[in-house]
């Protein structure tokens, strides 16, 4: 099955329609909230790993490490950006500000 707003896939048992008595809208909101939480957490991990690479590059003076950091994949962040509202959160904004500040001084 897929949620109606974000089209997030989720799986249920074959007899789900017969046994589920709750609100489908509440269920879908919970599925989407959990999906967004997982993406945010993955994105935060990716940004931290990228920032760590930039730190290593800055203190080692390695242009190769700096390039690797700049090319580091943040796939979860890209997925979040594609979602309605961009999946933004306060933590993500703070990390990006620190990242931009750091990169400008690197």
Protein backbone atom coordinates (compact mmCIF):
# COMPACT_ATOMS: atom_id res chain seq x y z
CA UNK A 1 0.00 0.00 0.00
CA UNK A 2 1.02 3.63 -0.37
CA UNK A 3 0.08 6.70 1.63
CA UNK A 4 -2.13 9.19 -0.15
CA UNK A 5 0.01 12.29 0.38
CA UNK A 6 3.69 11.30 0.12
CA UNK A 7 3.06 8.01 -1.70
CA UNK A 8 5.19 6.24 0.92
CA UNK A 9 5.07 2.47 0.57
CA UNK A 10 4.11 0.41 3.59
CA UNK A 11 3.24 -3.23 3.96
CA UNK A 12 0.34 -4.91 5.71
CA UNK A 13 -0.90 -8.45 6.14
CA UNK A 14 -3.30 -9.78 3.48
CA UNK A 15 -6.25 -9.67 5.91
CA UNK A 16 -5.55 -6.04 6.93
CA UNK A 17 -8.69 -4.55 5.30
CA UNK A 18 -10.88 -7.02 7.17
CA UNK A 19 -9.29 -6.65 10.63
CA UNK A 20 -8.24 -2.98 10.77
CA UNK A 21 -10.83 -0.86 12.54
CA UNK A 22 -8.86 2.36 13.06
CA UNK A 23 -8.56 5.51 10.99
CA UNK A 24 -6.66 5.08 7.73
CA UNK A 25 -5.80 8.79 7.78
CA UNK A 26 -4.15 8.46 11.23
CA UNK A 27 -2.31 5.32 10.14
CA UNK A 28 -0.99 7.01 7.01
CA UNK A 29 0.11 10.08 8.96
CA UNK A 30 2.02 7.83 11.36
CA UNK A 31 3.66 5.95 8.45
CA UNK A 32 4.69 9.24 6.83
CA UNK A 33 5.96 10.70 10.11
CA UNK A 34 8.13 7.64 10.74
CA UNK A 35 9.43 7.73 7.17
CA UNK A 36 10.34 11.42 7.49
CA UNK A 37 12.03 10.78 10.86
CA UNK A 38 14.16 8.03 9.34
CA UNK A 39 15.12 10.25 6.41
CA UNK A 40 15.98 13.16 8.72
CA UNK A 41 18.15 10.91 10.89
CA UNK A 42 19.92 9.48 7.84
CA UNK A 43 20.41 12.98 6.43
CA UNK A 44 21.85 14.19 9.73
CA UNK A 45 24.30 11.27 9.76
CA UNK A 46 25.34 12.05 6.18
CA UNK A 47 25.87 15.75 6.98
CA UNK A 48 27.91 14.91 10.08
CA UNK A 49 30.08 12.47 8.11
CA UNK A 50 30.56 15.11 5.42
CA UNK A 51 31.45 17.74 8.02
CA UNK A 52 33.97 15.38 9.59
CA UNK A 53 35.62 14.95 6.20
CA UNK A 54 35.79 18.72 5.78
CA UNK A 55 37.37 19.03 9.23
CA UNK A 56 39.99 16.42 8.37
CA UNK A 57 40.66 18.23 5.09
CA UNK A 58 40.96 21.59 6.81
CA UNK A 59 43.42 20.42 9.45
CA UNK A 60 45.45 18.22 7.14
CA UNK A 61 45.51 20.73 4.29
CA UNK A 62 44.53 17.96 1.88
CA UNK A 63 42.80 19.19 -1.26
CA UNK A 64 41.96 15.57 -2.10
CA UNK A 65 40.05 15.17 1.19
CA UNK A 66 38.32 18.51 0.61
CA UNK A 67 37.19 17.30 -2.83
CA UNK A 68 35.97 13.99 -1.34
CA UNK A 69 34.00 15.92 1.28
CA UNK A 70 32.45 18.17 -1.35
CA UNK A 71 31.43 15.11 -3.40
CA UNK A 72 30.19 13.10 -0.39
CA UNK A 73 26.73 11.69 -1.08
CA UNK A 74 23.85 13.08 0.94
CA UNK A 75 21.14 11.04 -0.78
CA UNK A 76 18.76 11.13 2.18
CA UNK A 77 18.96 14.91 2.27
CA UNK A 78 18.13 15.05 -1.42
CA UNK A 79 15.09 12.83 -0.84
CA UNK A 80 13.96 15.10 1.99
CA UNK A 81 14.25 18.16 -0.22
CA UNK A 82 11.95 16.54 -2.77
CA UNK A 83 9.20 15.97 -0.20
CA UNK A 84 6.46 18.55 0.41
CA UNK A 85 7.83 21.10 2.88
CA UNK A 86 11.33 19.85 2.21
CA UNK A 87 11.31 17.72 5.35
CA UNK A 88 13.02 20.61 7.08
CA UNK A 89 13.63 20.65 10.77
CA UNK A 90 15.43 22.91 13.22
CA UNK A 91 18.35 20.48 13.61
CA UNK A 92 18.86 20.29 9.85
CA UNK A 93 18.89 24.08 9.55
CA UNK A 94 21.46 24.36 12.36
CA UNK A 95 23.74 21.72 10.82
CA UNK A 96 23.57 23.38 7.40
CA UNK A 97 24.42 26.79 8.90
CA UNK A 98 27.46 25.32 10.69
CA UNK A 99 28.44 23.54 7.50
CA UNK A 100 28.22 26.76 5.43
CA UNK A 101 30.13 28.75 8.07
CA UNK A 102 32.84 26.13 8.22
CA UNK A 103 33.15 25.76 4.47
CA UNK A 104 33.56 29.51 3.98
CA UNK A 105 36.55 29.50 6.33
CA UNK A 106 38.10 26.29 4.92
